[in-house]
Amino acid sequence: MSASVSRQPSLGQPAWVGWAFIAPFLLCYLGLLVAPVLEGWWLSFHAVDLLTGRGQFVGLANFLDLLKDEIFLRSAANTVLFAALCTPAFVILGLALALVLNRPGKLGAWLRGTFFASNVLSVTVVTLIWRLVLLPDRGLLSQGLAAVGLPDLAPLSDEHLALPFIAVVTLWWGIGLPMTLILAALQQVPKDLYEAAALDNTSRWRAFRFITLPALRRTLILVAIVQLLGQLQVFGQAQLLTNGGPNNSTRTMVMFIYEALFDQWALGYSAAAAQLLFVLLVLGVSVQRWAEKREDGQ
């Protein structure tokens, strides 16, 4: 017995052993995340010449100019509006599809695969498909409207319709992931709860309200936050479908950052806009933390 105890490893390990295990991750974290963020803040307080690489400290001038820039303010408003359109739609439609497709059998599996298939397409393929659908006169939408006697519609050329239709394209493209996450959580709900509710003659609506929704609350919060952070960074769909038009109605913050850097070569100005976007993302993470703490407190 004493021999077996003596062969057990000692619990008192040198401190460097723990650091050795976390060092690879820590170095990657510092090099790939912390350092770029700090450099981005440094650049945002400078006017940088991209040709010479020299920067002149300008303080808050870049941020003050952004607050006076009508195009940037329009881009920020478009970004927030786009996220507000997409996030609830992803949660509600993802939940609806998960409830409908939560059934065994080959048909359910085939339908789940069909809805998830668009999620693996690139943004270039998705926008190409939808440009053909929304093409005036000859597109699928125009022909469908003509078949029922309605006037032609060119949504991507309409200042009021362009952004909502980009949201529709994004919803069609990305609905597979929210549906899958909610479906996975839905399949973890104990069947005994529904059986007990059925014995009490509980209606489907009451079972959904008092069993399904509470069980899915954490997953729904996760889906909402992930989609919020993702849609605040929208870029490809808006650029490829409308290039920010018409009349800047679909220009987003990421598009503004891209154009300020690569079209105007204003590195400091672009970095300042990127930091404001970073602040929006941090606020989104803060909402997630608040929602999780509120959930834990209940």
C-alpha atoms as a PDB file:
ATOM      1  CA  MET A   1       0.000   0.000   0.000  1.00  0.00           C
ATOM      2  CA  SER A   2       2.810   2.367   0.898  1.00  0.00           C
ATOM      3  CA  ALA A   3       4.594   1.542  -2.358  1.00  0.00           C
ATOM      4  CA  SER A   4       1.512   2.432  -4.421  1.00  0.00           C
ATOM      5  CA  VAL A   5       1.171   5.719  -2.583  1.00  0.00           C
ATOM      6  CA  SER A   6       4.811   6.568  -3.158  1.00  0.00           C
ATOM      7  CA  ARG A   7       4.380   6.095  -6.906  1.00  0.00           C
ATOM      8  CA  GLN A   8       1.665   8.788  -7.112  1.00  0.00           C
ATOM      9  CA  PRO A   9       2.867  12.048  -8.726  1.00  0.00           C
ATOM     10  CA  SER A  10       3.553  15.011  -6.521  1.00  0.00           C
ATOM     11  CA  LEU A  11       0.951  17.784  -6.516  1.00  0.00           C
ATOM     12  CA  GLY A  12       3.544  20.474  -5.955  1.00  0.00           C
ATOM     13  CA  GLN A  13       4.584  21.300  -9.542  1.00  0.00           C
ATOM     14  CA  PRO A  14       6.778  24.279 -10.443  1.00  0.00           C
ATOM     15  CA  ALA A  15       4.862  27.348 -11.565  1.00  0.00           C
ATOM     16  CA  TRP A  16       6.488  27.324 -14.999  1.00  0.00           C
ATOM     17  CA  VAL A  17       4.801  24.013 -15.869  1.00  0.00           C
ATOM     18  CA  GLY A  18       1.376  25.658 -16.007  1.00  0.00           C
ATOM     19  CA  TRP A  19       2.720  28.599 -17.990  1.00  0.00           C
ATOM     20  CA  ALA A  20       4.327  26.169 -20.440  1.00  0.00           C
ATOM     21  CA  PHE A  21       0.940  24.637 -21.186  1.00  0.00           C
ATOM     22  CA  ILE A  22      -0.840  27.944 -21.805  1.00  0.00           C
ATOM     23  CA  ALA A  23       2.111  29.710 -23.498  1.00  0.00           C
ATOM     24  CA  PRO A  24       1.205  28.681 -27.113  1.00  0.00           C
ATOM     25  CA  PHE A  25      -2.371  29.917 -26.754  1.00  0.00           C
ATOM     26  CA  LEU A  26      -1.264  33.034 -24.883  1.00  0.00           C
ATOM     27  CA  LEU A  27       1.248  33.948 -27.591  1.00  0.00           C
ATOM     28  CA  CYS A  28      -1.321  33.436 -30.339  1.00  0.00           C
ATOM     29  CA  TYR A  29      -3.881  35.460 -28.393  1.00  0.00           C
ATOM     30  CA  LEU A  30      -1.470  38.344 -27.867  1.00  0.00           C
ATOM     31  CA  GLY A  31      -0.129  38.263 -31.409  1.00  0.00           C
ATOM     32  CA  LEU A  32      -3.359  37.772 -33.316  1.00  0.00           C
ATOM     33  CA  LEU A  33      -5.852  39.705 -31.192  1.00  0.00           C
ATOM     34  CA  VAL A  34      -4.427  42.000 -28.537  1.00  0.00           C
ATOM     35  CA  ALA A  35      -1.570  43.434 -30.612  1.00  0.00           C
ATOM     36  CA  PRO A  36      -3.753  44.268 -33.678  1.00  0.00           C
ATOM     37  CA  VAL A  37      -6.388  45.889 -31.440  1.00  0.00           C
ATOM     38  CA  LEU A  38      -3.779  48.062 -29.718  1.00  0.00           C
ATOM     39  CA  GLU A  39      -2.181  48.981 -33.045  1.00  0.00           C
ATOM     40  CA  GLY A  40      -5.616  49.848 -34.444  1.00  0.00           C
ATOM     41  CA  TRP A  41      -6.240  52.254 -31.573  1.00  0.00           C
ATOM     42  CA  TRP A  42      -2.768  53.772 -32.075  1.00  0.00           C
ATOM     43  CA  LEU A  43      -3.467  54.308 -35.780  1.00  0.00           C
ATOM     44  CA  SER A  44      -6.859  55.873 -35.053  1.00  0.00           C
ATOM     45  CA  PHE A  45      -5.136  58.752 -33.239  1.00  0.00           C
ATOM     46  CA  HIS A  46      -2.756  59.434 -36.153  1.00  0.00           C
ATOM     47  CA  ALA A  47      -2.845  60.701 -39.706  1.00  0.00           C
ATOM     48  CA  VAL A  48      -0.720  58.096 -41.491  1.00  0.00           C
ATOM     49  CA  ASP A  49       0.899  58.453 -44.923  1.00  0.00           C
ATOM     50  CA  LEU A  50       0.711  55.016 -46.523  1.00  0.00           C
ATOM     51  CA  LEU A  51       3.526  55.798 -48.976  1.00  0.00           C
ATOM     52  CA  THR A  52       6.118  56.726 -46.371  1.00  0.00           C
ATOM     53  CA  GLY A  53       4.626  54.895 -43.412  1.00  0.00           C
ATOM     54  CA  ARG A  54       4.960  58.000 -41.251  1.00  0.00           C
ATOM     55  CA  GLY A  55       2.221  59.053 -38.881  1.00  0.00           C
ATOM     56  CA  GLN A  56       1.347  62.359 -37.274  1.00  0.00           C
ATOM     57  CA  PHE A  57      -0.508  62.386 -33.977  1.00  0.00           C
ATOM     58  CA  VAL A  58      -3.859  64.142 -34.380  1.00  0.00           C
ATOM     59  CA  GLY A  59      -5.600  63.049 -31.183  1.00  0.00           C
ATOM     60  CA  LEU A  60      -9.370  62.763 -31.489  1.00  0.00           C
ATOM     61  CA  ALA A  61      -9.507  64.587 -34.821  1.00  0.00           C
ATOM     62  CA  ASN A  62     -10.330  61.419 -36.789  1.00  0.00           C
ATOM     63  CA  PHE A  63     -13.213  60.568 -34.463  1.00  0.00           C
ATOM     64  CA  LEU A  64     -14.559  64.128 -34.537  1.00  0.00           C
ATOM     65  CA  ASP A  65     -14.408  64.135 -38.332  1.00  0.00           C
ATOM     66  CA  LEU A  66     -16.304  60.843 -38.412  1.00  0.00           C
ATOM     67  CA  LEU A  67     -19.083  62.292 -36.291  1.00  0.00           C
ATOM     68  CA  LYS A  68     -19.414  65.086 -38.874  1.00  0.00           C
ATOM     69  CA  ASP A  69     -19.197  62.760 -41.883  1.00  0.00           C
ATOM     70  CA  GLU A  70     -22.699  62.257 -43.279  1.00  0.00           C
ATOM     71  CA  ILE A  71     -21.666  59.172 -45.241  1.00  0.00           C
ATOM     72  CA  PHE A  72     -20.233  57.514 -42.130  1.00  0.00           C
ATOM     73  CA  LEU A  73     -23.306  58.373 -40.070  1.00  0.00           C
ATOM     74  CA  ARG A  74     -25.512  56.948 -42.825  1.00  0.00           C
ATOM     75  CA  SER A  75     -23.332  53.835 -42.926  1.00  0.00           C
ATOM     76  CA  ALA A  76     -23.592  53.401 -39.155  1.00  0.00           C
ATOM     77  CA  ALA A  77     -27.374  53.816 -39.283  1.00  0.00           C
ATOM     78  CA  ASN A  78     -27.615  51.308 -42.147  1.00  0.00           C
ATOM     79  CA  THR A  79     -25.512  48.804 -40.192  1.00  0.00           C
ATOM     80  CA  VAL A  80     -27.627  49.069 -37.060  1.00  0.00           C
ATOM     81  CA  LEU A  81     -30.847  48.876 -39.092  1.00  0.00           C
ATOM     82  CA  PHE A  82     -29.583  45.842 -40.990  1.00  0.00           C
ATOM     83  CA  ALA A  83     -28.709  44.057 -37.741  1.00  0.00           C
ATOM     84  CA  ALA A  84     -32.110  44.991 -36.324  1.00  0.00           C
ATOM     85  CA  LEU A  85     -33.815  43.494 -39.387  1.00  0.00           C
ATOM     86  CA  CYS A  86     -31.796  40.291 -39.533  1.00  0.00           C
ATOM     87  CA  THR A  87     -31.287  39.279 -35.905  1.00  0.00           C
ATOM     88  CA  PRO A  88     -34.955  38.811 -34.861  1.00  0.00           C
ATOM     89  CA  ALA A  89     -35.691  37.167 -38.215  1.00  0.00           C
ATOM     90  CA  PHE A  90     -32.891  34.644 -37.734  1.00  0.00           C
ATOM     91  CA  VAL A  91     -34.108  33.773 -34.239  1.00  0.00           C
ATOM     92  CA  ILE A  92     -37.811  33.494 -35.128  1.00  0.00           C
ATOM     93  CA  LEU A  93     -37.390  31.677 -38.443  1.00  0.00           C
ATOM     94  CA  GLY A  94     -34.653  29.431 -37.047  1.00  0.00           C
ATOM     95  CA  LEU A  95     -36.954  28.459 -34.169  1.00  0.00           C
ATOM     96  CA  ALA A  96     -39.884  27.854 -36.524  1.00  0.00           C
ATOM     97  CA  LEU A  97     -37.850  25.635 -38.839  1.00  0.00           C
ATOM     98  CA  ALA A  98     -36.365  23.716 -35.912  1.00  0.00           C
ATOM     99  CA  LEU A  99     -39.848  23.019 -34.526  1.00  0.00           C
ATOM    100  CA  VAL A 100     -41.146  21.872 -37.897  1.00  0.00           C
ATOM    101  CA  LEU A 101     -38.110  19.721 -38.759  1.00  0.00           C
ATOM    102  CA  ASN A 102     -37.701  18.136 -35.320  1.00  0.00           C
ATOM    103  CA  ARG A 103     -38.979  14.783 -36.483  1.00  0.00           C
ATOM    104  CA  PRO A 104     -37.330  11.428 -37.231  1.00  0.00           C
ATOM    105  CA  GLY A 105     -37.156   9.873 -40.659  1.00  0.00           C
ATOM    106  CA  LYS A 106     -35.496  10.433 -44.001  1.00  0.00           C
ATOM    107  CA  LEU A 107     -37.803  13.272 -45.025  1.00  0.00           C
ATOM    108  CA  GLY A 108     -36.894  15.339 -41.959  1.00  0.00           C
ATOM    109  CA  ALA A 109     -33.187  14.693 -42.495  1.00  0.00           C
ATOM    110  CA  TRP A 110     -33.458  15.641 -46.175  1.00  0.00           C
ATOM    111  CA  LEU A 111     -35.287  18.875 -45.364  1.00  0.00           C
ATOM    112  CA  ARG A 112     -32.729  19.786 -42.692  1.00  0.00           C
ATOM    113  CA  GLY A 113     -29.933  19.219 -45.195  1.00  0.00           C
ATOM    114  CA  THR A 114     -31.760  21.295 -47.797  1.00  0.00           C
ATOM    115  CA  PHE A 115     -32.166  24.293 -45.494  1.00  0.00           C
ATOM    116  CA  PHE A 116     -28.564  24.037 -44.339  1.00  0.00           C
ATOM    117  CA  ALA A 117     -27.150  23.670 -47.869  1.00  0.00           C
ATOM    118  CA  SER A 118     -27.206  27.395 -48.655  1.00  0.00           C
ATOM    119  CA  ASN A 119     -25.084  28.041 -45.561  1.00  0.00           C
ATOM    120  CA  VAL A 120     -22.029  26.436 -47.184  1.00  0.00           C
ATOM    121  CA  LEU A 121     -22.158  28.643 -50.285  1.00  0.00           C
ATOM    122  CA  SER A 122     -19.774  31.557 -50.659  1.00  0.00           C
ATOM    123  CA  VAL A 123     -21.076  35.100 -50.625  1.00  0.00           C
ATOM    124  CA  THR A 124     -20.126  35.457 -54.298  1.00  0.00           C
ATOM    125  CA  VAL A 125     -22.308  32.520 -55.335  1.00  0.00           C
ATOM    126  CA  VAL A 126     -25.195  33.706 -53.171  1.00  0.00           C
ATOM    127  CA  THR A 127     -25.168  37.233 -54.561  1.00  0.00           C
ATOM    128  CA  LEU A 128     -24.878  35.937 -58.126  1.00  0.00           C
ATOM    129  CA  ILE A 129     -27.970  33.785 -57.641  1.00  0.00           C
ATOM    130  CA  TRP A 130     -29.956  36.629 -56.119  1.00  0.00           C
ATOM    131  CA  ARG A 131     -28.867  39.167 -58.737  1.00  0.00           C
ATOM    132  CA  LEU A 132     -30.451  36.865 -61.301  1.00  0.00           C
ATOM    133  CA  VAL A 133     -33.578  36.549 -59.160  1.00  0.00           C
ATOM    134  CA  LEU A 134     -33.909  40.320 -58.636  1.00  0.00           C
ATOM    135  CA  LEU A 135     -32.931  41.327 -62.170  1.00  0.00           C
ATOM    136  CA  PRO A 136     -35.429  43.886 -63.554  1.00  0.00           C
ATOM    137  CA  ASP A 137     -37.679  42.744 -66.423  1.00  0.00           C
ATOM    138  CA  ARG A 138     -36.062  39.297 -66.816  1.00  0.00           C
ATOM    139  CA  GLY A 139     -35.477  38.161 -63.242  1.00  0.00           C
ATOM    140  CA  LEU A 140     -37.471  35.493 -61.455  1.00  0.00           C
ATOM    141  CA  LEU A 141     -39.134  38.084 -59.200  1.00  0.00           C
ATOM    142  CA  SER A 142     -40.182  40.263 -62.149  1.00  0.00           C
ATOM    143  CA  GLN A 143     -41.565  37.321 -64.084  1.00  0.00           C
ATOM    144  CA  GLY A 144     -43.491  36.109 -61.043  1.00  0.00           C
ATOM    145  CA  LEU A 145     -45.031  39.552 -60.535  1.00  0.00           C
ATOM    146  CA  ALA A 146     -45.906  39.768 -64.215  1.00  0.00           C
ATOM    147  CA  ALA A 147     -47.591  36.351 -64.064  1.00  0.00           C
ATOM    148  CA  VAL A 148     -50.029  37.596 -61.422  1.00  0.00           C
ATOM    149  CA  GLY A 149     -50.575  40.952 -63.099  1.00  0.00           C
ATOM    150  CA  LEU A 150     -48.469  43.097 -60.744  1.00  0.00           C
ATOM    151  CA  PRO A 151     -46.087  45.837 -61.922  1.00  0.00           C
ATOM    152  CA  ASP A 152     -42.376  45.170 -62.252  1.00  0.00           C
ATOM    153  CA  LEU A 153     -40.147  45.712 -59.226  1.00  0.00           C
ATOM    154  CA  ALA A 154     -36.449  46.572 -59.091  1.00  0.00           C
ATOM    155  CA  PRO A 155     -35.721  46.404 -55.338  1.00  0.00           C
ATOM    156  CA  LEU A 156     -31.960  46.822 -55.595  1.00  0.00           C
ATOM    157  CA  SER A 157     -32.474  50.168 -57.334  1.00  0.00           C
ATOM    158  CA  ASP A 158     -34.987  51.415 -54.776  1.00  0.00           C
ATOM    159  CA  GLU A 159     -33.550  53.389 -51.864  1.00  0.00           C
ATOM    160  CA  HIS A 160     -36.229  52.111 -49.488  1.00  0.00           C
ATOM    161  CA  LEU A 161     -36.230  48.462 -50.581  1.00  0.00           C
ATOM    162  CA  ALA A 162     -32.568  47.712 -51.212  1.00  0.00           C
ATOM    163  CA  LEU A 163     -31.491  47.157 -47.604  1.00  0.00           C
ATOM    164  CA  PRO A 164     -34.522  44.993 -46.652  1.00  0.00           C
ATOM    165  CA  PHE A 165     -33.924  42.819 -49.712  1.00  0.00           C
ATOM    166  CA  ILE A 166     -30.257  42.413 -48.788  1.00  0.00           C
ATOM    167  CA  ALA A 167     -31.538  41.274 -45.393  1.00  0.00           C
ATOM    168  CA  VAL A 168     -33.747  38.718 -47.184  1.00  0.00           C
ATOM    169  CA  VAL A 169     -30.728  37.452 -49.129  1.00  0.00           C
ATOM    170  CA  THR A 170     -28.733  37.184 -45.911  1.00  0.00           C
ATOM    171  CA  LEU A 171     -31.572  35.329 -44.196  1.00  0.00           C
ATOM    172  CA  TRP A 172     -31.821  32.840 -47.068  1.00  0.00           C
ATOM    173  CA  TRP A 173     -28.065  32.356 -46.979  1.00  0.00           C
ATOM    174  CA  GLY A 174     -27.459  31.960 -43.258  1.00  0.00           C
ATOM    175  CA  ILE A 175     -30.614  30.425 -41.780  1.00  0.00           C
ATOM    176  CA  GLY A 176     -29.045  26.962 -41.683  1.00  0.00           C
ATOM    177  CA  LEU A 177     -26.785  27.608 -38.685  1.00  0.00           C
ATOM    178  CA  PRO A 178     -29.434  29.094 -36.330  1.00  0.00           C
ATOM    179  CA  MET A 179     -31.809  26.310 -37.310  1.00  0.00           C
ATOM    180  CA  THR A 180     -29.192  23.664 -36.526  1.00  0.00           C
ATOM    181  CA  LEU A 181     -28.255  25.169 -33.160  1.00  0.00           C
ATOM    182  CA  ILE A 182     -31.869  25.467 -32.046  1.00  0.00           C
ATOM    183  CA  LEU A 183     -32.673  21.996 -33.369  1.00  0.00           C
ATOM    184  CA  ALA A 184     -29.792  20.514 -31.379  1.00  0.00           C
ATOM    185  CA  ALA A 185     -31.049  22.214 -28.217  1.00  0.00           C
ATOM    186  CA  LEU A 186     -34.619  21.158 -28.943  1.00  0.00           C
ATOM    187  CA  GLN A 187     -33.617  17.517 -29.141  1.00  0.00           C
ATOM    188  CA  GLN A 188     -32.119  17.757 -25.644  1.00  0.00           C
ATOM    189  CA  VAL A 189     -35.465  18.625 -24.039  1.00  0.00           C
ATOM    190  CA  PRO A 190     -36.629  15.571 -22.030  1.00  0.00           C
ATOM    191  CA  LYS A 191     -39.583  13.826 -23.638  1.00  0.00           C
ATOM    192  CA  ASP A 192     -40.973  13.083 -20.196  1.00  0.00           C
ATOM    193  CA  LEU A 193     -41.956  16.726 -19.804  1.00  0.00           C
ATOM    194  CA  TYR A 194     -44.160  16.614 -22.903  1.00  0.00           C
ATOM    195  CA  GLU A 195     -45.657  13.286 -21.859  1.00  0.00           C
ATOM    196  CA  ALA A 196     -46.534  14.688 -18.440  1.00  0.00           C
ATOM    197  CA  ALA A 197     -48.048  17.767 -20.077  1.00  0.00           C
ATOM    198  CA  ALA A 198     -50.119  15.549 -22.377  1.00  0.00           C
ATOM    199  CA  LEU A 199     -51.476  13.627 -19.383  1.00  0.00           C
ATOM    200  CA  ASP A 200     -52.630  16.960 -17.924  1.00  0.00           C
ATOM    201  CA  ASN A 201     -54.380  17.817 -21.232  1.00  0.00           C
ATOM    202  CA  THR A 202     -52.033  20.749 -21.758  1.00  0.00           C
ATOM    203  CA  SER A 203     -52.467  22.464 -25.106  1.00  0.00           C
ATOM    204  CA  ARG A 204     -49.612  22.631 -27.602  1.00  0.00           C
ATOM    205  CA  TRP A 205     -49.310  26.359 -27.133  1.00  0.00           C
ATOM    206  CA  ARG A 206     -48.979  26.066 -23.360  1.00  0.00           C
ATOM    207  CA  ALA A 207     -46.442  23.243 -23.731  1.00  0.00           C
ATOM    208  CA  PHE A 208     -44.458  25.398 -26.136  1.00  0.00           C
ATOM    209  CA  ARG A 209     -44.648  28.429 -23.856  1.00  0.00           C
ATOM    210  CA  PHE A 210     -43.863  26.758 -20.539  1.00  0.00           C
ATOM    211  CA  ILE A 211     -41.637  23.832 -21.611  1.00  0.00           C
ATOM    212  CA  THR A 212     -40.003  24.477 -24.970  1.00  0.00           C
ATOM    213  CA  LEU A 213     -39.195  28.187 -24.693  1.00  0.00           C
ATOM    214  CA  PRO A 214     -37.643  28.003 -21.185  1.00  0.00           C
ATOM    215  CA  ALA A 215     -35.525  25.039 -22.291  1.00  0.00           C
ATOM    216  CA  LEU A 216     -34.328  26.921 -25.394  1.00  0.00           C
ATOM    217  CA  ARG A 217     -33.763  30.297 -23.739  1.00  0.00           C
ATOM    218  CA  ARG A 218     -29.968  30.018 -23.546  1.00  0.00           C
ATOM    219  CA  THR A 219     -29.700  28.801 -27.128  1.00  0.00           C
ATOM    220  CA  LEU A 220     -31.962  31.561 -28.403  1.00  0.00           C
ATOM    221  CA  ILE A 221     -29.817  34.143 -26.594  1.00  0.00           C
ATOM    222  CA  LEU A 222     -26.692  32.592 -28.126  1.00  0.00           C
ATOM    223  CA  VAL A 223     -28.198  32.665 -31.634  1.00  0.00           C
ATOM    224  CA  ALA A 224     -29.312  36.273 -31.193  1.00  0.00           C
ATOM    225  CA  ILE A 225     -25.898  37.472 -30.049  1.00  0.00           C
ATOM    226  CA  VAL A 226     -23.990  35.522 -32.708  1.00  0.00           C
ATOM    227  CA  GLN A 227     -26.239  36.910 -35.420  1.00  0.00           C
ATOM    228  CA  LEU A 228     -26.071  40.424 -34.010  1.00  0.00           C
ATOM    229  CA  LEU A 229     -22.276  40.395 -34.060  1.00  0.00           C
ATOM    230  CA  GLY A 230     -22.223  38.842 -37.516  1.00  0.00           C
ATOM    231  CA  GLN A 231     -24.694  41.261 -39.103  1.00  0.00           C
ATOM    232  CA  LEU A 232     -22.919  44.301 -37.656  1.00  0.00           C
ATOM    233  CA  GLN A 233     -19.976  43.206 -39.821  1.00  0.00           C
ATOM    234  CA  VAL A 234     -21.969  42.790 -43.035  1.00  0.00           C
ATOM    235  CA  PHE A 235     -19.892  43.528 -46.121  1.00  0.00           C
ATOM    236  CA  GLY A 236     -19.976  41.082 -49.019  1.00  0.00           C
ATOM    237  CA  GLN A 237     -23.706  41.079 -49.749  1.00  0.00           C
ATOM    238  CA  ALA A 238     -23.997  44.869 -49.743  1.00  0.00           C
ATOM    239  CA  GLN A 239     -20.899  45.382 -51.859  1.00  0.00           C
ATOM    240  CA  LEU A 240     -21.681  42.763 -54.481  1.00  0.00           C
ATOM    241  CA  LEU A 241     -25.412  43.435 -54.780  1.00  0.00           C
ATOM    242  CA  THR A 242     -25.579  47.233 -54.655  1.00  0.00           C
ATOM    243  CA  ASN A 243     -22.049  48.541 -53.981  1.00  0.00           C
ATOM    244  CA  GLY A 244     -23.534  50.753 -51.276  1.00  0.00           C
ATOM    245  CA  GLY A 245     -26.205  52.302 -53.449  1.00  0.00           C
ATOM    246  CA  PRO A 246     -28.612  53.669 -54.275  1.00  0.00           C
ATOM    247  CA  ASN A 247     -27.763  56.965 -52.589  1.00  0.00           C
ATOM    248  CA  ASN A 248     -25.694  55.253 -49.859  1.00  0.00           C
ATOM    249  CA  SER A 249     -28.800  53.467 -48.609  1.00  0.00           C
ATOM    250  CA  THR A 250     -26.941  50.138 -48.305  1.00  0.00           C
ATOM    251  CA  ARG A 251     -23.437  51.337 -47.455  1.00  0.00           C
ATOM    252  CA  THR A 252     -22.322  49.674 -44.199  1.00  0.00           C
ATOM    253  CA  MET A 253     -19.586  50.465 -41.692  1.00  0.00           C
ATOM    254  CA  VAL A 254     -17.284  47.755 -43.014  1.00  0.00           C
ATOM    255  CA  MET A 255     -17.742  49.096 -46.539  1.00  0.00           C
ATOM    256  CA  PHE A 256     -16.927  52.594 -45.291  1.00  0.00           C
ATOM    257  CA  ILE A 257     -13.771  51.297 -43.568  1.00  0.00           C
ATOM    258  CA  TYR A 258     -12.723  49.432 -46.710  1.00  0.00           C
ATOM    259  CA  GLU A 259     -13.279  52.411 -48.992  1.00  0.00           C
ATOM    260  CA  ALA A 260     -11.569  54.878 -46.636  1.00  0.00           C
ATOM    261  CA  LEU A 261      -8.480  52.677 -46.622  1.00  0.00           C
ATOM    262  CA  PHE A 262      -8.201  51.352 -50.169  1.00  0.00           C
ATOM    263  CA  ASP A 263      -9.878  54.175 -52.113  1.00  0.00           C
ATOM    264  CA  GLN A 264      -8.834  57.234 -50.091  1.00  0.00           C
ATOM    265  CA  TRP A 265      -5.680  55.770 -48.480  1.00  0.00           C
ATOM    266  CA  ALA A 266      -6.776  57.366 -45.193  1.00  0.00           C
ATOM    267  CA  LEU A 267      -5.369  54.776 -42.826  1.00  0.00           C
ATOM    268  CA  GLY A 268      -5.930  56.709 -39.610  1.00  0.00           C
ATOM    269  CA  TYR A 269      -9.448  57.693 -40.614  1.00  0.00           C
ATOM    270  CA  SER A 270     -10.252  54.097 -41.545  1.00  0.00           C
ATOM    271  CA  ALA A 271      -8.779  52.842 -38.264  1.00  0.00           C
ATOM    272  CA  ALA A 272     -10.933  55.293 -36.291  1.00  0.00           C
ATOM    273  CA  ALA A 273     -14.063  54.006 -38.043  1.00  0.00           C
ATOM    274  CA  ALA A 274     -12.950  50.438 -37.313  1.00  0.00           C
ATOM    275  CA  GLN A 275     -12.596  51.241 -33.623  1.00  0.00           C
ATOM    276  CA  LEU A 276     -16.140  52.598 -33.507  1.00  0.00           C
ATOM    277  CA  LEU A 277     -17.305  49.352 -35.073  1.00  0.00           C
ATOM    278  CA  PHE A 278     -15.251  47.511 -32.465  1.00  0.00           C
ATOM    279  CA  VAL A 279     -17.112  49.439 -29.757  1.00  0.00           C
ATOM    280  CA  LEU A 280     -20.421  48.280 -31.245  1.00  0.00           C
ATOM    281  CA  LEU A 281     -19.209  44.671 -31.164  1.00  0.00           C
ATOM    282  CA  VAL A 282     -18.097  45.025 -27.548  1.00  0.00           C
ATOM    283  CA  LEU A 283     -21.533  46.370 -26.684  1.00  0.00           C
ATOM    284  CA  GLY A 284     -23.007  43.269 -28.313  1.00  0.00           C
ATOM    285  CA  VAL A 285     -20.799  41.018 -26.164  1.00  0.00           C
ATOM    286  CA  SER A 286     -21.820  43.051 -23.108  1.00  0.00           C
ATOM    287  CA  VAL A 287     -25.464  42.385 -23.932  1.00  0.00           C
ATOM    288  CA  GLN A 288     -24.655  38.671 -24.080  1.00  0.00           C
ATOM    289  CA  ARG A 289     -22.979  38.768 -20.658  1.00  0.00           C
ATOM    290  CA  TRP A 290     -25.900  40.694 -19.191  1.00  0.00           C
ATOM    291  CA  ALA A 291     -28.395  38.218 -20.632  1.00  0.00           C
ATOM    292  CA  GLU A 292     -26.419  35.259 -19.272  1.00  0.00           C
ATOM    293  CA  LYS A 293     -26.155  36.765 -15.787  1.00  0.00           C
ATOM    294  CA  ARG A 294     -29.860  37.581 -15.824  1.00  0.00           C
ATOM    295  CA  GLU A 295     -30.583  33.995 -16.845  1.00  0.00           C
ATOM    296  CA  ASP A 296     -28.394  32.642 -14.038  1.00  0.00           C
ATOM    297  CA  GLY A 297     -30.149  34.876 -11.537  1.00  0.00           C
ATOM    298  CA  GLN A 298     -33.579  33.512 -12.349  1.00  0.00           C
END
